[in-house]
Amino acid sequence: MGILNKSSRALIFGGLFFIVPLLLIIFAWTQIHKTLKPISAKISEALDLNSVFGSASIIIVTIILLIILCFVAGLLIEKGIVKNWSSGVEKKLFIFMPSLQMLKFRLIGDNNNVINEFWQAIIFKEDSFYRIGFITDKTKTHTTIYIPDAPKIDAGEVRYMTNSDFEYYNISMKAAMSAIYAFGEGLDVEAIIANSKKTN
């Protein structure tokens, strides 16, 4: 018998997987704050924010600057100015940070403003029921789909479907990610099928 039983090991590793991302966030914030602090201090001094917010003014300005930087970076990527950010980068993020990708698509996941939405979210018919999946590739004869587990997408299975036998309906990434996260709750399959038939 080992020093730690299975339940103790599960708790330790579960805690580890919680602490590691938390430490990474703290480390990233520390570096960002250290980099932007001189600029934030000058802006705070120039606008006399100390008289309003006190010592918290530098942190507030730093957060605002960070939000602006994120917005500008997202704008550059969306407009195609930054060419290095490709679907390949997005795929790696799905592998290494699936939870972050889920959050991204749940928050901004519609077809109009998602950057590099390289997968097509669908529900497809299998026997007598429907499943959520993502079209990852398509040829003249076959469609490749990835079927994720719930409530996470970092595990699942890949299937190659014959186009002539493959019945599916498009849904938004936001709807797919939210449904997977909620164990299928909130996805109105009947409405999706009815709307699809109306448009077709």
N, C-alpha and C. Protein backbone atom coordinates (compact mmCIF):
# COMPACT_ATOMS: atom_id res chain seq x y z
N MET A 1 0.85 -1.20 0.00
CA MET A 1 0.00 0.00 0.00
C MET A 1 0.89 1.25 0.00
N GLY A 2 0.56 2.18 -0.88
CA GLY A 2 1.36 3.39 -0.99
C GLY A 2 1.12 4.32 0.18
N ILE A 3 1.96 5.33 0.24
CA ILE A 3 1.84 6.31 1.32
C ILE A 3 0.51 7.06 1.21
N LEU A 4 0.11 7.37 -0.02
CA LEU A 4 -1.14 8.08 -0.24
C LEU A 4 -2.12 7.19 -0.97
N ASN A 5 -3.36 7.16 -0.53
CA ASN A 5 -4.37 6.38 -1.23
C ASN A 5 -4.86 7.15 -2.46
N LYS A 6 -5.73 6.52 -3.24
CA LYS A 6 -6.17 7.11 -4.50
C LYS A 6 -6.90 8.42 -4.30
N SER A 7 -7.76 8.48 -3.28
CA SER A 7 -8.53 9.71 -3.05
C SER A 7 -7.62 10.87 -2.65
N SER A 8 -6.58 10.58 -1.86
CA SER A 8 -5.63 11.63 -1.47
C SER A 8 -4.84 12.12 -2.67
N ARG A 9 -4.41 11.19 -3.52
CA ARG A 9 -3.67 11.58 -4.74
C ARG A 9 -4.55 12.42 -5.65
N ALA A 10 -5.83 12.03 -5.76
CA ALA A 10 -6.76 12.78 -6.60
C ALA A 10 -6.92 14.21 -6.10
N LEU A 11 -7.01 14.36 -4.76
CA LEU A 11 -7.14 15.70 -4.18
C LEU A 11 -5.89 16.54 -4.43
N ILE A 12 -4.73 15.91 -4.25
CA ILE A 12 -3.46 16.63 -4.44
C ILE A 12 -3.31 17.10 -5.89
N PHE A 13 -3.55 16.16 -6.84
CA PHE A 13 -3.39 16.52 -8.26
C PHE A 13 -4.49 17.49 -8.71
N GLY A 14 -5.70 17.33 -8.13
CA GLY A 14 -6.76 18.28 -8.43
C GLY A 14 -6.39 19.67 -7.97
N GLY A 15 -5.84 19.76 -6.77
CA GLY A 15 -5.37 21.05 -6.26
C GLY A 15 -4.24 21.61 -7.08
N LEU A 16 -3.36 20.74 -7.56
CA LEU A 16 -2.23 21.17 -8.39
C LEU A 16 -2.71 21.79 -9.69
N PHE A 17 -3.70 21.15 -10.33
CA PHE A 17 -4.22 21.68 -11.59
C PHE A 17 -4.99 22.98 -11.39
N PHE A 18 -5.40 23.25 -10.15
CA PHE A 18 -6.03 24.54 -9.84
C PHE A 18 -4.96 25.60 -9.56
N ILE A 19 -3.92 25.21 -8.83
CA ILE A 19 -2.89 26.16 -8.39
C ILE A 19 -2.01 26.62 -9.55
N VAL A 20 -1.63 25.68 -10.45
CA VAL A 20 -0.69 26.02 -11.53
C VAL A 20 -1.23 27.16 -12.41
N PRO A 21 -2.48 27.07 -12.94
CA PRO A 21 -2.99 28.21 -13.73
C PRO A 21 -3.07 29.49 -12.92
N LEU A 22 -3.42 29.34 -11.63
CA LEU A 22 -3.51 30.52 -10.76
C LEU A 22 -2.15 31.19 -10.61
N LEU A 23 -1.10 30.37 -10.41
CA LEU A 23 0.26 30.91 -10.30
C LEU A 23 0.71 31.57 -11.60
N LEU A 24 0.33 30.97 -12.74
CA LEU A 24 0.68 31.55 -14.03
C LEU A 24 0.01 32.91 -14.21
N ILE A 25 -1.24 33.01 -13.79
CA ILE A 25 -1.96 34.29 -13.88
C ILE A 25 -1.29 35.34 -12.99
N ILE A 26 -0.95 34.94 -11.76
CA ILE A 26 -0.28 35.87 -10.84
C ILE A 26 1.06 36.32 -11.40
N PHE A 27 1.84 35.36 -11.95
CA PHE A 27 3.14 35.69 -12.53
C PHE A 27 2.99 36.65 -13.72
N ALA A 28 1.99 36.35 -14.58
CA ALA A 28 1.77 37.21 -15.75
C ALA A 28 1.37 38.62 -15.32
N TRP A 29 0.47 38.70 -14.32
CA TRP A 29 0.05 40.01 -13.83
C TRP A 29 1.22 40.77 -13.23
N THR A 30 2.09 40.08 -12.49
CA THR A 30 3.25 40.73 -11.87
C THR A 30 4.15 41.34 -12.93
N GLN A 31 4.40 40.57 -14.01
CA GLN A 31 5.26 41.07 -15.08
C GLN A 31 4.62 42.23 -15.83
N ILE A 32 3.32 42.10 -16.09
CA ILE A 32 2.61 43.17 -16.79
C ILE A 32 2.60 44.45 -15.95
N HIS A 33 2.32 44.26 -14.66
CA HIS A 33 2.27 45.42 -13.76
C HIS A 33 3.64 46.10 -13.67
N LYS A 34 4.69 45.29 -13.60
CA LYS A 34 6.05 45.82 -13.53
C LYS A 34 6.39 46.61 -14.80
N THR A 35 5.93 46.13 -15.95
CA THR A 35 6.22 46.77 -17.23
C THR A 35 5.44 48.08 -17.40
N LEU A 36 4.16 48.02 -17.04
CA LEU A 36 3.30 49.18 -17.27
C LEU A 36 3.29 50.20 -16.13
N LYS A 37 3.85 49.83 -14.99
CA LYS A 37 3.79 50.71 -13.81
C LYS A 37 4.39 52.09 -14.06
N PRO A 38 5.57 52.21 -14.67
CA PRO A 38 6.13 53.55 -14.92
C PRO A 38 5.20 54.43 -15.77
N ILE A 39 4.61 53.81 -16.82
CA ILE A 39 3.70 54.57 -17.69
C ILE A 39 2.45 54.94 -16.92
N SER A 40 1.92 53.98 -16.15
CA SER A 40 0.70 54.23 -15.36
C SER A 40 0.92 55.34 -14.33
N ALA A 41 2.11 55.34 -13.73
CA ALA A 41 2.43 56.37 -12.73
C ALA A 41 2.44 57.76 -13.36
N LYS A 42 3.03 57.88 -14.58
CA LYS A 42 3.09 59.17 -15.26
C LYS A 42 1.69 59.65 -15.66
N ILE A 43 0.86 58.69 -16.17
CA ILE A 43 -0.51 59.05 -16.57
C ILE A 43 -1.31 59.48 -15.35
N SER A 44 -1.17 58.71 -14.26
CA SER A 44 -1.88 59.02 -13.03
C SER A 44 -1.49 60.39 -12.48
N GLU A 45 -0.20 60.69 -12.57
CA GLU A 45 0.30 61.99 -12.09
C GLU A 45 -0.17 63.13 -12.98
N ALA A 46 -0.15 62.88 -14.29
CA ALA A 46 -0.56 63.93 -15.23
C ALA A 46 -2.05 64.26 -15.09
N LEU A 47 -2.86 63.25 -14.83
CA LEU A 47 -4.31 63.45 -14.70
C LEU A 47 -4.74 63.72 -13.25
N ASP A 48 -3.78 63.73 -12.34
CA ASP A 48 -4.02 63.97 -10.91
C ASP A 48 -5.06 62.98 -10.35
N LEU A 49 -4.87 61.70 -10.72
CA LEU A 49 -5.80 60.67 -10.27
C LEU A 49 -5.57 60.29 -8.81
N ASN A 50 -4.40 60.61 -8.29
CA ASN A 50 -4.11 60.28 -6.89
C ASN A 50 -5.08 60.96 -5.92
N SER A 51 -5.50 62.14 -6.29
CA SER A 51 -6.42 62.88 -5.43
C SER A 51 -7.81 62.24 -5.39
N VAL A 52 -8.12 61.43 -6.42
CA VAL A 52 -9.44 60.78 -6.49
C VAL A 52 -9.37 59.35 -5.97
N PHE A 53 -8.41 58.58 -6.50
CA PHE A 53 -8.34 57.14 -6.18
C PHE A 53 -7.24 56.79 -5.18
N GLY A 54 -6.38 57.74 -4.87
CA GLY A 54 -5.30 57.47 -3.94
C GLY A 54 -4.26 56.54 -4.54
N SER A 55 -3.73 55.64 -3.72
CA SER A 55 -2.67 54.74 -4.18
C SER A 55 -3.15 53.71 -5.20
N ALA A 56 -4.48 53.53 -5.28
CA ALA A 56 -5.03 52.56 -6.23
C ALA A 56 -5.05 53.09 -7.65
N SER A 57 -4.73 54.37 -7.83
CA SER A 57 -4.82 54.97 -9.17
C SER A 57 -3.88 54.30 -10.17
N ILE A 58 -2.69 53.90 -9.72
CA ILE A 58 -1.72 53.26 -10.63
C ILE A 58 -2.26 51.91 -11.10
N ILE A 59 -2.84 51.13 -10.19
CA ILE A 59 -3.41 49.83 -10.57
C ILE A 59 -4.57 50.01 -11.53
N ILE A 60 -5.43 51.00 -11.27
CA ILE A 60 -6.57 51.26 -12.15
C ILE A 60 -6.11 51.63 -13.54
N VAL A 61 -5.12 52.52 -13.63
CA VAL A 61 -4.58 52.92 -14.94
C VAL A 61 -3.93 51.73 -15.64
N THR A 62 -3.22 50.89 -14.88
CA THR A 62 -2.58 49.69 -15.46
C THR A 62 -3.62 48.76 -16.06
N ILE A 63 -4.72 48.54 -15.36
CA ILE A 63 -5.79 47.67 -15.86
C ILE A 63 -6.41 48.25 -17.13
N ILE A 64 -6.62 49.56 -17.13
CA ILE A 64 -7.18 50.22 -18.32
C ILE A 64 -6.23 50.09 -19.50
N LEU A 65 -4.94 50.30 -19.26
CA LEU A 65 -3.94 50.16 -20.33
C LEU A 65 -3.91 48.73 -20.86
N LEU A 66 -4.02 47.75 -19.97
CA LEU A 66 -4.02 46.35 -20.37
C LEU A 66 -5.23 46.03 -21.25
N ILE A 67 -6.40 46.55 -20.86
CA ILE A 67 -7.61 46.35 -21.66
C ILE A 67 -7.46 46.97 -23.04
N ILE A 68 -6.88 48.17 -23.09
CA ILE A 68 -6.66 48.85 -24.37
C ILE A 68 -5.69 48.05 -25.25
N LEU A 69 -4.61 47.54 -24.64
CA LEU A 69 -3.64 46.73 -25.39
C LEU A 69 -4.29 45.47 -25.95
N CYS A 70 -5.10 44.80 -25.13
CA CYS A 70 -5.80 43.59 -25.59
C CYS A 70 -6.74 43.91 -26.75
N PHE A 71 -7.44 45.04 -26.64
CA PHE A 71 -8.37 45.45 -27.69
C PHE A 71 -7.62 45.71 -29.00
N VAL A 72 -6.51 46.45 -28.90
CA VAL A 72 -5.72 46.78 -30.09
C VAL A 72 -5.14 45.51 -30.72
N ALA A 73 -4.62 44.60 -29.87
CA ALA A 73 -4.06 43.34 -30.38
C ALA A 73 -5.14 42.52 -31.08
N GLY A 74 -6.33 42.44 -30.47
CA GLY A 74 -7.43 41.71 -31.09
C GLY A 74 -7.85 42.33 -32.40
N LEU A 75 -7.84 43.66 -32.47
CA LEU A 75 -8.19 44.38 -33.70
C LEU A 75 -7.18 44.10 -34.81
N LEU A 76 -5.90 44.11 -34.45
CA LEU A 76 -4.85 43.83 -35.43
C LEU A 76 -4.97 42.42 -35.99
N ILE A 77 -5.28 41.46 -35.11
CA ILE A 77 -5.44 40.08 -35.55
C ILE A 77 -6.65 39.95 -36.45
N GLU A 78 -7.77 40.56 -36.04
CA GLU A 78 -9.02 40.45 -36.79
C GLU A 78 -8.89 41.05 -38.18
N LYS A 79 -8.16 42.17 -38.28
CA LYS A 79 -8.01 42.84 -39.56
C LYS A 79 -6.93 42.19 -40.44
N GLY A 80 -6.25 41.18 -39.89
CA GLY A 80 -5.25 40.48 -40.67
C GLY A 80 -3.91 41.17 -40.73
N ILE A 81 -3.71 42.20 -39.91
CA ILE A 81 -2.43 42.91 -39.92
C ILE A 81 -1.34 42.05 -39.31
N VAL A 82 -1.70 41.33 -38.24
CA VAL A 82 -0.74 40.40 -37.64
C VAL A 82 -0.91 39.05 -38.31
N LYS A 83 -0.02 38.70 -39.22
CA LYS A 83 -0.18 37.51 -40.04
C LYS A 83 0.20 36.23 -39.32
N ASN A 84 1.02 36.33 -38.28
CA ASN A 84 1.51 35.12 -37.62
C ASN A 84 0.45 34.41 -36.79
N TRP A 85 -0.63 35.12 -36.44
CA TRP A 85 -1.69 34.50 -35.65
C TRP A 85 -2.61 33.77 -36.61
N SER A 86 -2.50 32.48 -36.66
CA SER A 86 -3.24 31.70 -37.64
C SER A 86 -4.09 30.65 -36.95
N SER A 87 -4.78 29.86 -37.77
CA SER A 87 -5.59 28.77 -37.23
C SER A 87 -4.70 27.74 -36.54
N GLY A 88 -3.43 27.63 -36.97
CA GLY A 88 -2.51 26.70 -36.33
C GLY A 88 -2.26 27.07 -34.88
N VAL A 89 -2.16 28.38 -34.60
CA VAL A 89 -1.99 28.84 -33.23
C VAL A 89 -3.24 28.53 -32.42
N GLU A 90 -4.41 28.76 -33.03
CA GLU A 90 -5.68 28.47 -32.35
C GLU A 90 -5.79 26.98 -32.01
N LYS A 91 -5.35 26.13 -32.92
CA LYS A 91 -5.41 24.68 -32.67
C LYS A 91 -4.53 24.30 -31.48
N LYS A 92 -3.36 24.91 -31.40
CA LYS A 92 -2.46 24.63 -30.27
C LYS A 92 -3.09 25.10 -28.95
N LEU A 93 -3.80 26.23 -29.00
CA LEU A 93 -4.48 26.72 -27.81
C LEU A 93 -5.59 25.76 -27.38
N PHE A 94 -6.26 25.14 -28.35
CA PHE A 94 -7.28 24.15 -28.03
C PHE A 94 -6.66 22.96 -27.32
N ILE A 95 -5.43 22.60 -27.71
CA ILE A 95 -4.77 21.44 -27.10
C ILE A 95 -4.27 21.78 -25.70
N PHE A 96 -3.59 22.92 -25.56
CA PHE A 96 -2.92 23.24 -24.30
C PHE A 96 -3.79 24.02 -23.32
N MET A 97 -4.74 24.80 -23.83
CA MET A 97 -5.61 25.59 -22.95
C MET A 97 -7.06 25.49 -23.39
N PRO A 98 -7.63 24.29 -23.36
CA PRO A 98 -9.01 24.13 -23.83
C PRO A 98 -10.03 24.95 -23.04
N SER A 99 -9.81 25.07 -21.74
CA SER A 99 -10.76 25.84 -20.91
C SER A 99 -10.78 27.31 -21.32
N LEU A 100 -9.60 27.84 -21.65
CA LEU A 100 -9.51 29.23 -22.08
C LEU A 100 -10.23 29.43 -23.40
N GLN A 101 -10.10 28.47 -24.31
CA GLN A 101 -10.77 28.56 -25.59
C GLN A 101 -12.28 28.46 -25.42
N MET A 102 -12.72 27.58 -24.51
CA MET A 102 -14.15 27.47 -24.24
C MET A 102 -14.70 28.80 -23.73
N LEU A 103 -13.96 29.43 -22.83
CA LEU A 103 -14.38 30.71 -22.27
C LEU A 103 -14.44 31.77 -23.37
N LYS A 104 -13.45 31.75 -24.25
CA LYS A 104 -13.42 32.71 -25.34
C LYS A 104 -14.67 32.61 -26.21
N PHE A 105 -15.00 31.39 -26.63
CA PHE A 105 -16.14 31.22 -27.51
C PHE A 105 -17.47 31.40 -26.79
N ARG A 106 -17.50 31.11 -25.48
CA ARG A 106 -18.74 31.33 -24.73
C ARG A 106 -19.02 32.82 -24.55
N LEU A 107 -17.95 33.62 -24.48
CA LEU A 107 -18.12 35.05 -24.27
C LEU A 107 -18.34 35.80 -25.58
N ILE A 108 -17.56 35.47 -26.62
CA ILE A 108 -17.64 36.23 -27.88
C ILE A 108 -17.92 35.34 -29.07
N GLY A 109 -18.47 34.16 -28.82
CA GLY A 109 -18.55 33.15 -29.87
C GLY A 109 -19.69 33.26 -30.84
N ASP A 110 -19.72 34.26 -31.68
CA ASP A 110 -20.65 34.24 -32.80
C ASP A 110 -19.86 34.41 -34.08
N ASN A 111 -20.50 34.09 -35.19
CA ASN A 111 -19.78 34.03 -36.46
C ASN A 111 -19.28 35.39 -36.95
N ASN A 112 -19.82 36.47 -36.39
CA ASN A 112 -19.47 37.79 -36.89
C ASN A 112 -18.17 38.34 -36.33
N ASN A 113 -17.80 37.94 -35.10
CA ASN A 113 -16.64 38.61 -34.49
C ASN A 113 -15.61 37.68 -33.88
N VAL A 114 -15.74 36.37 -34.07
CA VAL A 114 -14.74 35.47 -33.52
C VAL A 114 -13.54 35.40 -34.46
N ILE A 115 -12.37 35.52 -33.86
CA ILE A 115 -11.13 35.48 -34.63
C ILE A 115 -10.74 34.03 -34.89
N ASN A 116 -10.51 33.69 -36.15
CA ASN A 116 -10.07 32.34 -36.52
C ASN A 116 -11.01 31.24 -36.02
N GLU A 117 -12.27 31.38 -36.35
CA GLU A 117 -13.20 30.31 -36.02
C GLU A 117 -13.04 29.23 -37.09
N PHE A 118 -12.01 28.40 -36.91
CA PHE A 118 -11.62 27.47 -37.97
C PHE A 118 -12.40 26.17 -37.92
N TRP A 119 -13.12 25.90 -36.84
CA TRP A 119 -14.02 24.75 -36.76
C TRP A 119 -15.45 25.21 -36.97
N GLN A 120 -16.25 24.34 -37.59
CA GLN A 120 -17.67 24.62 -37.71
C GLN A 120 -18.43 23.78 -36.70
N ALA A 121 -19.10 24.44 -35.78
CA ALA A 121 -19.88 23.71 -34.77
C ALA A 121 -21.18 23.21 -35.38
N ILE A 122 -21.54 22.00 -35.03
CA ILE A 122 -22.75 21.38 -35.60
C ILE A 122 -23.43 20.49 -34.55
N ILE A 123 -24.69 20.15 -34.83
CA ILE A 123 -25.30 18.98 -34.22
C ILE A 123 -25.56 18.01 -35.37
N PHE A 124 -25.29 16.75 -35.16
CA PHE A 124 -25.46 15.79 -36.24
C PHE A 124 -26.24 14.57 -35.73
N LYS A 125 -26.91 13.94 -36.66
CA LYS A 125 -27.75 12.80 -36.31
C LYS A 125 -26.92 11.53 -36.31
N GLU A 126 -27.07 10.76 -35.24
CA GLU A 126 -26.41 9.47 -35.13
C GLU A 126 -27.43 8.47 -34.57
N ASP A 127 -27.79 7.52 -35.40
CA ASP A 127 -28.86 6.56 -35.06
C ASP A 127 -30.14 7.35 -34.78
N SER A 128 -30.65 7.29 -33.57
CA SER A 128 -31.92 7.94 -33.26
C SER A 128 -31.75 9.18 -32.39
N PHE A 129 -30.51 9.68 -32.26
CA PHE A 129 -30.28 10.86 -31.42
C PHE A 129 -29.30 11.81 -32.09
N TYR A 130 -29.13 12.99 -31.48
CA TYR A 130 -28.24 14.02 -32.03
C TYR A 130 -27.08 14.26 -31.07
N ARG A 131 -25.94 14.63 -31.65
CA ARG A 131 -24.75 14.91 -30.86
C ARG A 131 -24.13 16.23 -31.31
N ILE A 132 -23.37 16.83 -30.41
CA ILE A 132 -22.62 18.05 -30.75
C ILE A 132 -21.25 17.63 -31.29
N GLY A 133 -20.83 18.27 -32.35
CA GLY A 133 -19.51 17.99 -32.91
C GLY A 133 -18.95 19.21 -33.62
N PHE A 134 -17.74 19.07 -34.16
CA PHE A 134 -17.09 20.15 -34.89
C PHE A 134 -16.53 19.60 -36.19
N ILE A 135 -16.88 20.22 -37.29
CA ILE A 135 -16.29 19.83 -38.57
C ILE A 135 -14.88 20.40 -38.62
N THR A 136 -13.90 19.51 -38.77
CA THR A 136 -12.49 19.94 -38.79
C THR A 136 -11.87 19.87 -40.18
N ASP A 137 -12.52 19.11 -41.08
CA ASP A 137 -12.00 18.99 -42.45
C ASP A 137 -13.11 18.45 -43.34
N LYS A 138 -12.99 18.74 -44.62
CA LYS A 138 -14.03 18.29 -45.53
C LYS A 138 -13.43 18.03 -46.91
N THR A 139 -13.81 16.91 -47.52
CA THR A 139 -13.42 16.59 -48.89
C THR A 139 -14.70 16.39 -49.71
N LYS A 140 -14.56 16.00 -50.96
CA LYS A 140 -15.74 15.79 -51.81
C LYS A 140 -16.60 14.62 -51.33
N THR A 141 -15.96 13.66 -50.68
CA THR A 141 -16.70 12.46 -50.29
C THR A 141 -16.89 12.29 -48.79
N HIS A 142 -15.96 12.87 -47.99
CA HIS A 142 -16.01 12.65 -46.54
C HIS A 142 -15.89 13.96 -45.74
N THR A 143 -16.46 13.93 -44.55
CA THR A 143 -16.35 15.05 -43.60
C THR A 143 -15.73 14.53 -42.32
N THR A 144 -14.70 15.22 -41.84
CA THR A 144 -14.05 14.83 -40.60
C THR A 144 -14.65 15.64 -39.46
N ILE A 145 -15.07 14.95 -38.41
CA ILE A 145 -15.64 15.65 -37.27
C ILE A 145 -14.95 15.23 -35.98
N TYR A 146 -14.89 16.18 -35.08
CA TYR A 146 -14.38 15.91 -33.74
C TYR A 146 -15.55 15.98 -32.78
N ILE A 147 -15.73 14.93 -31.98
CA ILE A 147 -16.82 14.86 -31.01
C ILE A 147 -16.21 15.00 -29.61
N PRO A 148 -16.42 16.14 -28.96
CA PRO A 148 -15.79 16.36 -27.65
C PRO A 148 -16.56 15.71 -26.51
N ASP A 149 -15.86 15.49 -25.41
CA ASP A 149 -16.52 15.09 -24.17
C ASP A 149 -17.11 16.34 -23.50
N ALA A 150 -17.96 16.12 -22.53
CA ALA A 150 -18.51 17.22 -21.73
C ALA A 150 -18.15 16.99 -20.26
N PRO A 151 -17.87 18.03 -19.50
CA PRO A 151 -17.99 19.45 -19.83
C PRO A 151 -16.72 20.06 -20.39
N LYS A 152 -15.70 19.26 -20.73
CA LYS A 152 -14.46 19.79 -21.29
C LYS A 152 -14.31 19.28 -22.71
N ILE A 153 -13.46 19.96 -23.47
CA ILE A 153 -13.27 19.58 -24.87
C ILE A 153 -11.89 19.03 -25.15
N ASP A 154 -11.11 18.78 -24.08
CA ASP A 154 -9.74 18.32 -24.29
C ASP A 154 -9.66 16.81 -24.48
N ALA A 155 -10.79 16.14 -24.58
CA ALA A 155 -10.83 14.71 -24.90
C ALA A 155 -12.07 14.45 -25.74
N GLY A 156 -12.01 13.41 -26.54
CA GLY A 156 -13.14 13.09 -27.40
C GLY A 156 -12.73 12.08 -28.45
N GLU A 157 -13.42 12.08 -29.58
CA GLU A 157 -13.11 11.13 -30.64
C GLU A 157 -13.25 11.79 -32.00
N VAL A 158 -12.57 11.21 -32.99
CA VAL A 158 -12.60 11.72 -34.35
C VAL A 158 -13.32 10.70 -35.23
N ARG A 159 -14.18 11.19 -36.11
CA ARG A 159 -14.88 10.30 -37.02
C ARG A 159 -14.82 10.85 -38.44
N TYR A 160 -14.81 9.94 -39.38
CA TYR A 160 -14.83 10.30 -40.80
C TYR A 160 -16.18 9.86 -41.36
N MET A 161 -17.00 10.84 -41.70
CA MET A 161 -18.37 10.56 -42.13
C MET A 161 -18.49 10.67 -43.64
N THR A 162 -19.25 9.76 -44.24
CA THR A 162 -19.54 9.85 -45.67
C THR A 162 -20.55 10.96 -45.89
N ASN A 163 -20.24 11.88 -46.79
CA ASN A 163 -21.08 13.07 -46.99
C ASN A 163 -22.53 12.71 -47.31
N SER A 164 -22.72 11.69 -48.11
CA SER A 164 -24.08 11.33 -48.53
C SER A 164 -24.94 10.81 -47.37
N ASP A 165 -24.30 10.28 -46.33
CA ASP A 165 -25.03 9.73 -45.18
C ASP A 165 -24.97 10.62 -43.95
N PHE A 166 -24.40 11.80 -44.11
CA PHE A 166 -24.12 12.65 -42.95
C PHE A 166 -25.15 13.77 -42.85
N GLU A 167 -26.03 13.68 -41.87
CA GLU A 167 -27.06 14.69 -41.65
C GLU A 167 -26.65 15.57 -40.48
N TYR A 168 -26.46 16.86 -40.74
CA TYR A 168 -26.05 17.76 -39.66
C TYR A 168 -26.65 19.14 -39.84
N TYR A 169 -26.60 19.92 -38.74
CA TYR A 169 -27.15 21.27 -38.74
C TYR A 169 -26.14 22.20 -38.07
N ASN A 170 -25.87 23.32 -38.72
CA ASN A 170 -24.90 24.28 -38.20
C ASN A 170 -25.43 25.00 -36.96
N ILE A 171 -24.56 25.20 -35.99
CA ILE A 171 -24.87 26.02 -34.82
C ILE A 171 -23.67 26.94 -34.58
N SER A 172 -23.85 27.93 -33.75
CA SER A 172 -22.73 28.85 -33.45
C SER A 172 -21.77 28.19 -32.46
N MET A 173 -20.53 28.65 -32.49
CA MET A 173 -19.53 28.16 -31.53
C MET A 173 -19.98 28.47 -30.10
N LYS A 174 -20.58 29.63 -29.93
CA LYS A 174 -21.03 30.03 -28.60
C LYS A 174 -22.07 29.05 -28.06
N ALA A 175 -23.03 28.66 -28.90
CA ALA A 175 -24.07 27.71 -28.48
C ALA A 175 -23.47 26.35 -28.18
N ALA A 176 -22.51 25.93 -29.02
CA ALA A 176 -21.88 24.62 -28.82
C ALA A 176 -21.08 24.58 -27.53
N MET A 177 -20.24 25.59 -27.31
CA MET A 177 -19.40 25.61 -26.11
C MET A 177 -20.22 25.73 -24.83
N SER A 178 -21.28 26.55 -24.89
CA SER A 178 -22.14 26.70 -23.71
C SER A 178 -22.86 25.40 -23.40
N ALA A 179 -23.32 24.69 -24.43
CA ALA A 179 -24.03 23.43 -24.23
C ALA A 179 -23.09 22.36 -23.67
N ILE A 180 -21.87 22.30 -24.19
CA ILE A 180 -20.90 21.31 -23.70
C ILE A 180 -20.57 21.59 -22.24
N TYR A 181 -20.36 22.87 -21.92
CA TYR A 181 -20.02 23.26 -20.55
C TYR A 181 -21.15 22.93 -19.59
N ALA A 182 -22.40 23.03 -20.07
CA ALA A 182 -23.58 22.80 -19.22
C ALA A 182 -24.15 21.40 -19.39
N PHE A 183 -23.32 20.45 -19.87
CA PHE A 183 -23.76 19.07 -20.07
C PHE A 183 -24.99 18.98 -20.98
N GLY A 184 -25.03 19.83 -22.01
CA GLY A 184 -26.11 19.77 -22.99
C GLY A 184 -27.29 20.68 -22.71
N GLU A 185 -27.31 21.27 -21.54
CA GLU A 185 -28.45 22.12 -21.18
C GLU A 185 -28.46 23.40 -21.99
N GLY A 186 -29.66 23.83 -22.41
CA GLY A 186 -29.82 25.12 -23.07
C GLY A 186 -29.77 25.09 -24.58
N LEU A 187 -29.51 23.94 -25.18
CA LEU A 187 -29.45 23.84 -26.65
C LEU A 187 -30.79 23.31 -27.15
N ASP A 188 -31.53 24.13 -27.89
CA ASP A 188 -32.85 23.76 -28.39
C ASP A 188 -32.70 23.07 -29.75
N VAL A 189 -32.60 21.77 -29.73
CA VAL A 189 -32.35 20.99 -30.95
C VAL A 189 -33.52 21.13 -31.93
N GLU A 190 -34.73 21.09 -31.42
CA GLU A 190 -35.92 21.19 -32.29
C GLU A 190 -35.93 22.52 -33.04
N ALA A 191 -35.62 23.60 -32.35
CA ALA A 191 -35.61 24.92 -32.99
C ALA A 191 -34.51 25.01 -34.04
N ILE A 192 -33.34 24.43 -33.74
CA ILE A 192 -32.22 24.45 -34.70
C ILE A 192 -32.60 23.72 -35.98
N ILE A 193 -33.21 22.55 -35.85
CA ILE A 193 -33.61 21.75 -37.01
C ILE A 193 -34.69 22.48 -37.80
N ALA A 194 -35.67 23.05 -37.07
CA ALA A 194 -36.77 23.76 -37.73
C ALA A 194 -36.27 24.98 -38.51
N ASN A 195 -35.38 25.76 -37.90
CA ASN A 195 -34.82 26.95 -38.56
C ASN A 195 -33.98 26.57 -39.76
N SER A 196 -33.24 25.46 -39.64
CA SER A 196 -32.41 25.00 -40.75
C SER A 196 -33.26 24.59 -41.94
N LYS A 197 -34.36 23.93 -41.66
CA LYS A 197 -35.26 23.49 -42.74
C LYS A 197 -35.95 24.68 -43.40
N LYS A 198 -36.23 25.75 -42.62
CA LYS A 198 -36.85 26.94 -43.19
C LYS A 198 -35.91 27.65 -44.15
N THR A 199 -34.64 27.76 -43.75
CA THR A 199 -33.64 28.45 -44.59
C THR A 199 -33.32 27.66 -45.85
N ASN A 200 -33.40 26.31 -45.74
CA ASN A 200 -33.14 25.46 -46.89
C ASN A 200 -34.39 25.31 -47.74
